[in-house]
Amino acid sequence: MRAYLQQLRQETGLRLCEKVFDPQNDKPSKWWTCFVKRQFMNKSLSGPGQ
């Protein structure tokens, strides 16, 4: 079960990066980056103190 959850977390991170960053110019998508400041389950995409 632990290995499954680890693989799920890795796959989710990879797929999220594919959606957030445009593969043609490697710039972040403005639509997805609007969620950086929002929190979900006490987690945020921005670094601590930002």
C-alpha atoms as a PDB file:
ATOM      1  CA  MET A   1       0.000   0.000   0.000  1.00  0.00           C
ATOM      2  CA  ARG A   2       2.853   2.369   0.829  1.00  0.00           C
ATOM      3  CA  ALA A   3       4.485   1.815  -2.570  1.00  0.00           C
ATOM      4  CA  TYR A   4       1.152   2.449  -4.296  1.00  0.00           C
ATOM      5  CA  LEU A   5       0.683   5.775  -2.501  1.00  0.00           C
ATOM      6  CA  GLN A   6       4.251   6.804  -3.294  1.00  0.00           C
ATOM      7  CA  GLN A   7       3.764   6.022  -6.988  1.00  0.00           C
ATOM      8  CA  LEU A   8       0.436   7.875  -6.955  1.00  0.00           C
ATOM      9  CA  ARG A   9       2.097  10.955  -5.450  1.00  0.00           C
ATOM     10  CA  GLN A  10       4.911  10.882  -8.032  1.00  0.00           C
ATOM     11  CA  GLU A  11       2.562  10.417 -10.992  1.00  0.00           C
ATOM     12  CA  THR A  12       0.300  13.207  -9.757  1.00  0.00           C
ATOM     13  CA  GLY A  13       3.270  15.565  -9.451  1.00  0.00           C
ATOM     14  CA  LEU A  14       4.522  14.749 -12.935  1.00  0.00           C
ATOM     15  CA  ARG A  15       1.109  15.167 -14.524  1.00  0.00           C
ATOM     16  CA  LEU A  16       0.535  18.421 -12.667  1.00  0.00           C
ATOM     17  CA  CYS A  17       3.827  19.818 -13.973  1.00  0.00           C
ATOM     18  CA  GLU A  18       2.810  18.853 -17.506  1.00  0.00           C
ATOM     19  CA  LYS A  19      -0.404  20.849 -17.087  1.00  0.00           C
ATOM     20  CA  VAL A  20       1.103  23.884 -15.345  1.00  0.00           C
ATOM     21  CA  PHE A  21       4.090  24.417 -17.661  1.00  0.00           C
ATOM     22  CA  ASP A  22       3.618  24.841 -21.411  1.00  0.00           C
ATOM     23  CA  PRO A  23       5.961  22.331 -23.128  1.00  0.00           C
ATOM     24  CA  GLN A  24       6.548  24.637 -26.105  1.00  0.00           C
ATOM     25  CA  ASN A  25       8.051  27.579 -24.209  1.00  0.00           C
ATOM     26  CA  ASP A  26       8.433  26.267 -20.603  1.00  0.00           C
ATOM     27  CA  LYS A  27       6.445  29.191 -19.201  1.00  0.00           C
ATOM     28  CA  PRO A  28       3.863  28.553 -16.477  1.00  0.00           C
ATOM     29  CA  SER A  29       0.206  28.741 -17.430  1.00  0.00           C
ATOM     30  CA  LYS A  30      -1.434  31.835 -15.956  1.00  0.00           C
ATOM     31  CA  TRP A  31      -4.664  29.924 -15.358  1.00  0.00           C
ATOM     32  CA  TRP A  32      -2.979  27.332 -13.131  1.00  0.00           C
ATOM     33  CA  THR A  33      -0.658  29.744 -11.321  1.00  0.00           C
ATOM     34  CA  CYS A  34      -3.645  31.749 -10.031  1.00  0.00           C
ATOM     35  CA  PHE A  35      -4.045  28.925  -7.475  1.00  0.00           C
ATOM     36  CA  VAL A  36      -0.552  29.379  -5.977  1.00  0.00           C
ATOM     37  CA  LYS A  37      -1.720  31.589  -3.109  1.00  0.00           C
ATOM     38  CA  ARG A  38      -4.740  29.424  -2.239  1.00  0.00           C
ATOM     39  CA  GLN A  39      -4.588  26.657   0.350  1.00  0.00           C
ATOM     40  CA  PHE A  40      -6.136  23.218   0.161  1.00  0.00           C
ATOM     41  CA  MET A  41      -5.998  20.877   3.165  1.00  0.00           C
ATOM     42  CA  ASN A  42      -3.508  23.307   4.790  1.00  0.00           C
ATOM     43  CA  LYS A  43      -1.166  22.940   1.785  1.00  0.00           C
ATOM     44  CA  SER A  44      -0.026  25.715  -0.525  1.00  0.00           C
ATOM     45  CA  LEU A  45       1.948  25.694  -3.778  1.00  0.00           C
ATOM     46  CA  SER A  46       3.995  28.729  -2.761  1.00  0.00           C
ATOM     47  CA  GLY A  47       7.036  28.393  -0.554  1.00  0.00           C
ATOM     48  CA  PRO A  48       6.963  29.119   3.175  1.00  0.00           C
ATOM     49  CA  GLY A  49       6.793  32.814   4.027  1.00  0.00           C
ATOM     50  CA  GLN A  50       5.511  33.880   0.618  1.00  0.00           C
END
